[in-house]
C-alpha atoms as a PDB file:
ATOM      1  CA  UNK A   1      90.181 -10.593 100.582  1.00  0.00           C
ATOM      2  CA  UNK A   2      87.023 -12.077  99.033  1.00  0.00           C
ATOM      3  CA  UNK A   3      86.557  -9.021  96.806  1.00  0.00           C
ATOM      4  CA  UNK A   4      90.169  -9.295  95.643  1.00  0.00           C
ATOM      5  CA  UNK A   5      89.616 -12.903  94.574  1.00  0.00           C
ATOM      6  CA  UNK A   6      86.592 -12.074  92.455  1.00  0.00           C
ATOM      7  CA  UNK A   7      87.122  -8.502  91.223  1.00  0.00           C
ATOM      8  CA  UNK A   8      90.859  -7.934  90.699  1.00  0.00           C
ATOM      9  CA  UNK A   9      93.124  -8.835  87.791  1.00  0.00           C
ATOM     10  CA  UNK A  10      96.716  -8.033  86.871  1.00  0.00           C
ATOM     11  CA  UNK A  11      98.372  -5.760  84.328  1.00  0.00           C
ATOM     12  CA  UNK A  12     102.015  -5.857  83.269  1.00  0.00           C
ATOM     13  CA  UNK A  13     103.563  -2.514  82.283  1.00  0.00           C
ATOM     14  CA  UNK A  14     106.873  -2.630  80.418  1.00  0.00           C
ATOM     15  CA  UNK A  15     109.133   0.393  79.891  1.00  0.00           C
ATOM     16  CA  UNK A  16     111.982   0.197  77.367  1.00  0.00           C
ATOM     17  CA  UNK A  17     114.465   3.042  77.328  1.00  0.00           C
ATOM     18  CA  UNK A  18     115.468   3.697  73.714  1.00  0.00           C
ATOM     19  CA  UNK A  19     118.835   5.140  74.782  1.00  0.00           C
ATOM     20  CA  UNK A  20     120.232   2.238  76.799  1.00  0.00           C
ATOM     21  CA  UNK A  21     117.620  -0.428  75.802  1.00  0.00           C
ATOM     22  CA  UNK A  22     117.058  -1.286  79.456  1.00  0.00           C
ATOM     23  CA  UNK A  23     113.639  -2.836  80.168  1.00  0.00           C
ATOM     24  CA  UNK A  24     111.732  -2.453  83.406  1.00  0.00           C
ATOM     25  CA  UNK A  25     108.563  -4.391  84.180  1.00  0.00           C
ATOM     26  CA  UNK A  26     105.940  -3.430  86.768  1.00  0.00           C
ATOM     27  CA  UNK A  27     102.915  -5.505  87.757  1.00  0.00           C
ATOM     28  CA  UNK A  28      99.732  -3.672  88.716  1.00  0.00           C
ATOM     29  CA  UNK A  29      96.584  -5.018  90.348  1.00  0.00           C
ATOM     30  CA  UNK A  30      93.442  -3.544  88.791  1.00  0.00           C
ATOM     31  CA  UNK A  31      89.811  -3.386  89.861  1.00  0.00           C
ATOM     32  CA  UNK A  32      88.581  -2.264  86.457  1.00  0.00           C
ATOM     33  CA  UNK A  33      89.876  -1.779  82.921  1.00  0.00           C
ATOM     34  CA  UNK A  34      89.462   1.749  81.555  1.00  0.00           C
ATOM     35  CA  UNK A  35      88.981   2.198  77.808  1.00  0.00           C
ATOM     36  CA  UNK A  36      89.589   5.718  76.497  1.00  0.00           C
ATOM     37  CA  UNK A  37      87.803   7.449  73.640  1.00  0.00           C
ATOM     38  CA  UNK A  38      90.258   9.760  71.924  1.00  0.00           C
ATOM     39  CA  UNK A  39      88.125  11.448  69.243  1.00  0.00           C
ATOM     40  CA  UNK A  40      85.047  13.390  70.339  1.00  0.00           C
ATOM     41  CA  UNK A  41      83.918  13.704  66.690  1.00  0.00           C
ATOM     42  CA  UNK A  42      83.831   9.975  66.027  1.00  0.00           C
ATOM     43  CA  UNK A  43      80.141   8.966  65.935  1.00  0.00           C
ATOM     44  CA  UNK A  44      80.649   5.340  66.950  1.00  0.00           C
ATOM     45  CA  UNK A  45      83.334   3.188  68.566  1.00  0.00           C
ATOM     46  CA  UNK A  46      83.889  -0.551  68.303  1.00  0.00           C
ATOM     47  CA  UNK A  47      84.522  -2.177  71.670  1.00  0.00           C
ATOM     48  CA  UNK A  48      87.283  -4.399  70.299  1.00  0.00           C
ATOM     49  CA  UNK A  49      89.126  -1.410  68.821  1.00  0.00           C
ATOM     50  CA  UNK A  50      89.058   0.354  72.189  1.00  0.00           C
ATOM     51  CA  UNK A  51      90.687  -2.720  73.728  1.00  0.00           C
ATOM     52  CA  UNK A  52      93.334  -2.748  70.978  1.00  0.00           C
ATOM     53  CA  UNK A  53      94.101   0.917  71.675  1.00  0.00           C
ATOM     54  CA  UNK A  54      94.627   0.086  75.342  1.00  0.00           C
ATOM     55  CA  UNK A  55      97.174  -2.606  74.465  1.00  0.00           C
ATOM     56  CA  UNK A  56      99.032  -0.614  71.816  1.00  0.00           C
ATOM     57  CA  UNK A  57     102.605   0.466  72.520  1.00  0.00           C
ATOM     58  CA  UNK A  58     102.924   4.095  73.595  1.00  0.00           C
ATOM     59  CA  UNK A  59     105.835   6.468  72.989  1.00  0.00           C
ATOM     60  CA  UNK A  60     106.756   8.596  76.002  1.00  0.00           C
ATOM     61  CA  UNK A  61     108.561  11.592  74.521  1.00  0.00           C
ATOM     62  CA  UNK A  62     106.716  14.717  75.633  1.00  0.00           C
ATOM     63  CA  UNK A  63     108.633  16.929  78.042  1.00  0.00           C
ATOM     64  CA  UNK A  64     105.950  16.617  80.727  1.00  0.00           C
ATOM     65  CA  UNK A  65     105.692  12.838  80.325  1.00  0.00           C
ATOM     66  CA  UNK A  66     109.294  11.609  80.139  1.00  0.00           C
ATOM     67  CA  UNK A  67     110.249   8.335  81.827  1.00  0.00           C
ATOM     68  CA  UNK A  68     113.111   8.336  84.341  1.00  0.00           C
ATOM     69  CA  UNK A  69     115.526   5.547  83.439  1.00  0.00           C
ATOM     70  CA  UNK A  70     117.351   4.152  86.468  1.00  0.00           C
ATOM     71  CA  UNK A  71     120.161   2.778  84.291  1.00  0.00           C
ATOM     72  CA  UNK A  72     120.802   6.128  82.594  1.00  0.00           C
ATOM     73  CA  UNK A  73     120.037   7.947  85.857  1.00  0.00           C
ATOM     74  CA  UNK A  74     118.173  10.530  83.783  1.00  0.00           C
ATOM     75  CA  UNK A  75     114.930  11.116  81.954  1.00  0.00           C
ATOM     76  CA  UNK A  76     114.894   9.234  78.653  1.00  0.00           C
ATOM     77  CA  UNK A  77     114.112  11.268  75.550  1.00  0.00           C
ATOM     78  CA  UNK A  78     112.146   8.322  74.175  1.00  0.00           C
ATOM     79  CA  UNK A  79     110.653   5.380  76.066  1.00  0.00           C
ATOM     80  CA  UNK A  80     108.360   2.684  74.686  1.00  0.00           C
ATOM     81  CA  UNK A  81     105.636   1.730  77.136  1.00  0.00           C
ATOM     82  CA  UNK A  82     103.590  -1.418  76.604  1.00  0.00           C
ATOM     83  CA  UNK A  83     100.668  -2.683  78.662  1.00  0.00           C
ATOM     84  CA  UNK A  84      99.536  -6.301  78.815  1.00  0.00           C
ATOM     85  CA  UNK A  85      96.729  -8.020  80.695  1.00  0.00           C
ATOM     86  CA  UNK A  86      98.167 -11.102  82.385  1.00  0.00           C
ATOM     87  CA  UNK A  87      95.203 -12.118  84.560  1.00  0.00           C
ATOM     88  CA  UNK A  88      91.474 -11.436  84.352  1.00  0.00           C
ATOM     89  CA  UNK A  89      89.083 -11.603  87.321  1.00  0.00           C
ATOM     90  CA  UNK A  90      85.910 -13.671  87.428  1.00  0.00           C
ATOM     91  CA  UNK A  91      83.878 -10.450  87.415  1.00  0.00           C
ATOM     92  CA  UNK A  92      85.349  -8.037  84.879  1.00  0.00           C
ATOM     93  CA  UNK A  93      84.477  -4.339  85.191  1.00  0.00           C
ATOM     94  CA  UNK A  94      85.122  -2.252  82.071  1.00  0.00           C
ATOM     95  CA  UNK A  95      84.886   1.548  82.258  1.00  0.00           C
ATOM     96  CA  UNK A  96      84.196   3.508  79.064  1.00  0.00           C
ATOM     97  CA  UNK A  97      86.029   6.762  79.744  1.00  0.00           C
ATOM     98  CA  UNK A  98      83.812   9.388  78.109  1.00  0.00           C
ATOM     99  CA  UNK A  99      85.171  12.419  79.918  1.00  0.00           C
ATOM    100  CA  UNK A 100      88.088  14.554  78.750  1.00  0.00           C
ATOM    101  CA  UNK A 101      89.565  17.917  79.696  1.00  0.00           C
ATOM    102  CA  UNK A 102      89.045  20.723  77.178  1.00  0.00           C
ATOM    103  CA  UNK A 103      92.187  22.881  77.396  1.00  0.00           C
ATOM    104  CA  UNK A 104      90.510  25.808  75.643  1.00  0.00           C
ATOM    105  CA  UNK A 105      87.470  25.986  77.887  1.00  0.00           C
ATOM    106  CA  UNK A 106      89.390  24.650  80.924  1.00  0.00           C
ATOM    107  CA  UNK A 107      86.693  22.185  81.936  1.00  0.00           C
ATOM    108  CA  UNK A 108      85.764  18.556  81.547  1.00  0.00           C
ATOM    109  CA  UNK A 109      83.476  17.522  78.706  1.00  0.00           C
ATOM    110  CA  UNK A 110      81.689  14.341  77.778  1.00  0.00           C
ATOM    111  CA  UNK A 111      81.983  12.291  74.580  1.00  0.00           C
ATOM    112  CA  UNK A 112      78.476  11.226  73.523  1.00  0.00           C
ATOM    113  CA  UNK A 113      79.564   8.703  70.851  1.00  0.00           C
ATOM    114  CA  UNK A 114      77.835   5.346  70.679  1.00  0.00           C
ATOM    115  CA  UNK A 115      79.829   2.230  71.597  1.00  0.00           C
ATOM    116  CA  UNK A 116      79.063  -1.125  70.029  1.00  0.00           C
ATOM    117  CA  UNK A 117      78.958  -3.161  73.242  1.00  0.00           C
ATOM    118  CA  UNK A 118      79.134  -6.961  72.841  1.00  0.00           C
ATOM    119  CA  UNK A 119      77.017  -9.120  75.132  1.00  0.00           C
ATOM    120  CA  UNK A 120      79.711 -11.801  74.997  1.00  0.00           C
ATOM    121  CA  UNK A 121      83.493 -11.468  74.860  1.00  0.00           C
ATOM    122  CA  UNK A 122      86.385 -13.930  74.871  1.00  0.00           C
ATOM    123  CA  UNK A 123      89.286 -13.680  77.307  1.00  0.00           C
ATOM    124  CA  UNK A 124      91.768 -13.705  74.434  1.00  0.00           C
ATOM    125  CA  UNK A 125      90.509 -10.236  73.448  1.00  0.00           C
ATOM    126  CA  UNK A 126      92.532  -8.998  76.442  1.00  0.00           C
ATOM    127  CA  UNK A 127      95.167 -11.695  76.960  1.00  0.00           C
ATOM    128  CA  UNK A 128      97.491 -12.661  74.104  1.00  0.00           C
ATOM    129  CA  UNK A 129      98.186 -16.370  73.535  1.00  0.00           C
ATOM    130  CA  UNK A 130      95.372 -17.337  75.876  1.00  0.00           C
ATOM    131  CA  UNK A 131      95.322 -21.124  76.171  1.00  0.00           C
ATOM    132  CA  UNK A 132      91.733 -21.649  77.339  1.00  0.00           C
ATOM    133  CA  UNK A 133      88.569 -20.229  75.814  1.00  0.00           C
ATOM    134  CA  UNK A 134      87.008 -18.370  78.727  1.00  0.00           C
ATOM    135  CA  UNK A 135      83.795 -16.580  77.806  1.00  0.00           C
ATOM    136  CA  UNK A 136      82.533 -13.466  79.587  1.00  0.00           C
ATOM    137  CA  UNK A 137      78.844 -12.563  79.436  1.00  0.00           C
ATOM    138  CA  UNK A 138      77.473  -9.063  79.939  1.00  0.00           C
ATOM    139  CA  UNK A 139      75.544  -9.004  83.215  1.00  0.00           C
ATOM    140  CA  UNK A 140      75.003  -5.312  83.950  1.00  0.00           C
ATOM    141  CA  UNK A 141      75.948  -1.825  82.814  1.00  0.00           C
ATOM    142  CA  UNK A 142      75.842   1.713  84.205  1.00  0.00           C
ATOM    143  CA  UNK A 143      74.389   4.555  82.126  1.00  0.00           C
ATOM    144  CA  UNK A 144      75.159   8.242  82.582  1.00  0.00           C
ATOM    145  CA  UNK A 145      72.404  10.538  81.387  1.00  0.00           C
ATOM    146  CA  UNK A 146      73.506  14.114  80.786  1.00  0.00           C
ATOM    147  CA  UNK A 147      75.764  16.039  78.433  1.00  0.00           C
ATOM    148  CA  UNK A 148      78.517  16.986  80.878  1.00  0.00           C
ATOM    149  CA  UNK A 149      80.710  15.585  83.625  1.00  0.00           C
ATOM    150  CA  UNK A 150      79.421  18.354  85.885  1.00  0.00           C
ATOM    151  CA  UNK A 151      75.851  17.110  86.050  1.00  0.00           C
ATOM    152  CA  UNK A 152      73.726  14.119  85.121  1.00  0.00           C
ATOM    153  CA  UNK A 153      71.996  11.045  86.469  1.00  0.00           C
ATOM    154  CA  UNK A 154      73.154   7.433  86.717  1.00  0.00           C
ATOM    155  CA  UNK A 155      70.983   4.434  85.856  1.00  0.00           C
ATOM    156  CA  UNK A 156      71.735   0.732  85.906  1.00  0.00           C
ATOM    157  CA  UNK A 157      70.726  -2.014  83.505  1.00  0.00           C
ATOM    158  CA  UNK A 158      70.793  -5.578  84.807  1.00  0.00           C
ATOM    159  CA  UNK A 159      70.075  -8.921  83.244  1.00  0.00           C
ATOM    160  CA  UNK A 160      66.977 -10.393  84.876  1.00  0.00           C
ATOM    161  CA  UNK A 161      67.781 -13.610  86.737  1.00  0.00           C
ATOM    162  CA  UNK A 162      65.261 -16.415  86.846  1.00  0.00           C
ATOM    163  CA  UNK A 163      65.144 -18.418  90.048  1.00  0.00           C
ATOM    164  CA  UNK A 164      64.442 -22.072  89.569  1.00  0.00           C
ATOM    165  CA  UNK A 165      64.625 -25.185  91.633  1.00  0.00           C
ATOM    166  CA  UNK A 166      67.181 -27.911  91.044  1.00  0.00           C
ATOM    167  CA  UNK A 167      65.831 -31.378  91.793  1.00  0.00           C
ATOM    168  CA  UNK A 168      69.169 -32.479  93.261  1.00  0.00           C
ATOM    169  CA  UNK A 169      69.071 -32.827  97.056  1.00  0.00           C
ATOM    170  CA  UNK A 170      72.104 -31.810  99.092  1.00  0.00           C
ATOM    171  CA  UNK A 171      72.148 -32.826 102.781  1.00  0.00           C
ATOM    172  CA  UNK A 172      68.365 -32.823 102.877  1.00  0.00           C
ATOM    173  CA  UNK A 173      68.017 -29.255 101.598  1.00  0.00           C
ATOM    174  CA  UNK A 174      66.743 -28.378  98.158  1.00  0.00           C
ATOM    175  CA  UNK A 175      69.456 -26.646  96.140  1.00  0.00           C
ATOM    176  CA  UNK A 176      68.346 -23.315  94.686  1.00  0.00           C
ATOM    177  CA  UNK A 177      70.191 -21.732  91.785  1.00  0.00           C
ATOM    178  CA  UNK A 178      70.168 -18.424  89.943  1.00  0.00           C
ATOM    179  CA  UNK A 179      71.034 -18.679  86.282  1.00  0.00           C
ATOM    180  CA  UNK A 180      71.688 -15.896  83.804  1.00  0.00           C
ATOM    181  CA  UNK A 181      70.796 -16.747  80.225  1.00  0.00           C
ATOM    182  CA  UNK A 182      71.066 -14.728  77.034  1.00  0.00           C
ATOM    183  CA  UNK A 183      67.345 -15.033  76.343  1.00  0.00           C
ATOM    184  CA  UNK A 184      66.325 -13.380  79.612  1.00  0.00           C
ATOM    185  CA  UNK A 185      65.095  -9.820  79.783  1.00  0.00           C
ATOM    186  CA  UNK A 186      66.894  -6.714  80.985  1.00  0.00           C
ATOM    187  CA  UNK A 187      65.707  -4.551  83.872  1.00  0.00           C
ATOM    188  CA  UNK A 188      66.249  -0.797  84.318  1.00  0.00           C
ATOM    189  CA  UNK A 189      67.084   0.489  87.828  1.00  0.00           C
ATOM    190  CA  UNK A 190      66.375   4.219  88.153  1.00  0.00           C
ATOM    191  CA  UNK A 191      66.602   5.080  91.841  1.00  0.00           C
ATOM    192  CA  UNK A 192      63.578   3.350  93.367  1.00  0.00           C
ATOM    193  CA  UNK A 193      61.919   2.722  89.986  1.00  0.00           C
ATOM    194  CA  UNK A 194      62.512  -0.740  88.514  1.00  0.00           C
ATOM    195  CA  UNK A 195      61.086  -1.396  85.067  1.00  0.00           C
ATOM    196  CA  UNK A 196      61.567  -3.774  82.188  1.00  0.00           C
ATOM    197  CA  UNK A 197      64.046  -2.263  79.754  1.00  0.00           C
ATOM    198  CA  UNK A 198      62.969  -1.385  76.232  1.00  0.00           C
ATOM    199  CA  UNK A 199      65.726  -1.295  73.643  1.00  0.00           C
ATOM    200  CA  UNK A 200      67.130   2.110  72.852  1.00  0.00           C
ATOM    201  CA  UNK A 201      70.463   3.877  72.489  1.00  0.00           C
ATOM    202  CA  UNK A 202      72.026   4.676  75.844  1.00  0.00           C
ATOM    203  CA  UNK A 203      75.232   6.442  76.855  1.00  0.00           C
ATOM    204  CA  UNK A 204      76.885   3.501  78.614  1.00  0.00           C
ATOM    205  CA  UNK A 205      79.722   4.361  80.991  1.00  0.00           C
ATOM    206  CA  UNK A 206      80.519   1.126  82.809  1.00  0.00           C
ATOM    207  CA  UNK A 207      80.115  -2.599  82.041  1.00  0.00           C
ATOM    208  CA  UNK A 208      80.143  -5.724  84.204  1.00  0.00           C
ATOM    209  CA  UNK A 209      81.032  -9.047  82.561  1.00  0.00           C
ATOM    210  CA  UNK A 210      80.933 -12.381  84.359  1.00  0.00           C
ATOM    211  CA  UNK A 211      82.711 -15.632  83.632  1.00  0.00           C
ATOM    212  CA  UNK A 212      81.397 -19.032  84.761  1.00  0.00           C
ATOM    213  CA  UNK A 213      84.963 -20.361  84.848  1.00  0.00           C
ATOM    214  CA  UNK A 214      86.614 -20.579  88.288  1.00  0.00           C
ATOM    215  CA  UNK A 215      89.512 -18.223  88.972  1.00  0.00           C
ATOM    216  CA  UNK A 216      92.710 -18.894  90.915  1.00  0.00           C
ATOM    217  CA  UNK A 217      92.671 -17.217  94.328  1.00  0.00           C
END
């Protein structure tokens, strides 16, 4: 229950049958948002463009991907699917989907393109007509080292937290806080080795953003 309150958000999927114009809406609880890279030859991706691609309308018209319309009681030849984010969690996990299936070689491959990852994002990047101005700060990311989905090694980068003492007294106990600030250093976790991170291009696979704003339970 606690994890649900902090780590889950909600998506709204809408399917519109182009034959009868019937619209069906389905809510989905998510633990992470997956952003897909569609072009293995593209040298660099912009994070915001990947989000836009996620929220773009999709035409379902391929024979193996047709939508069954309950009103028509048959598979629709053309259905427009739209996806919207209607609620973000306090801790937002974003997965950069680098792996794809090569139909010629019949195996999964990895896209090595660089992604321009922002250290700060606004909630309205995901939610249209967002009323407040929630800010999400990058707290940690997972790196996959290796050129294939079949092998490799995972590392983690985390923002170094500085423990400091708040002078305010609460019920006789000194209140201790952990604050994450933009100016603080990053730390690399490589199995049991923990070192200060030196800037360099990394193949990031997963991101964790945090928001200081409280979330509805």
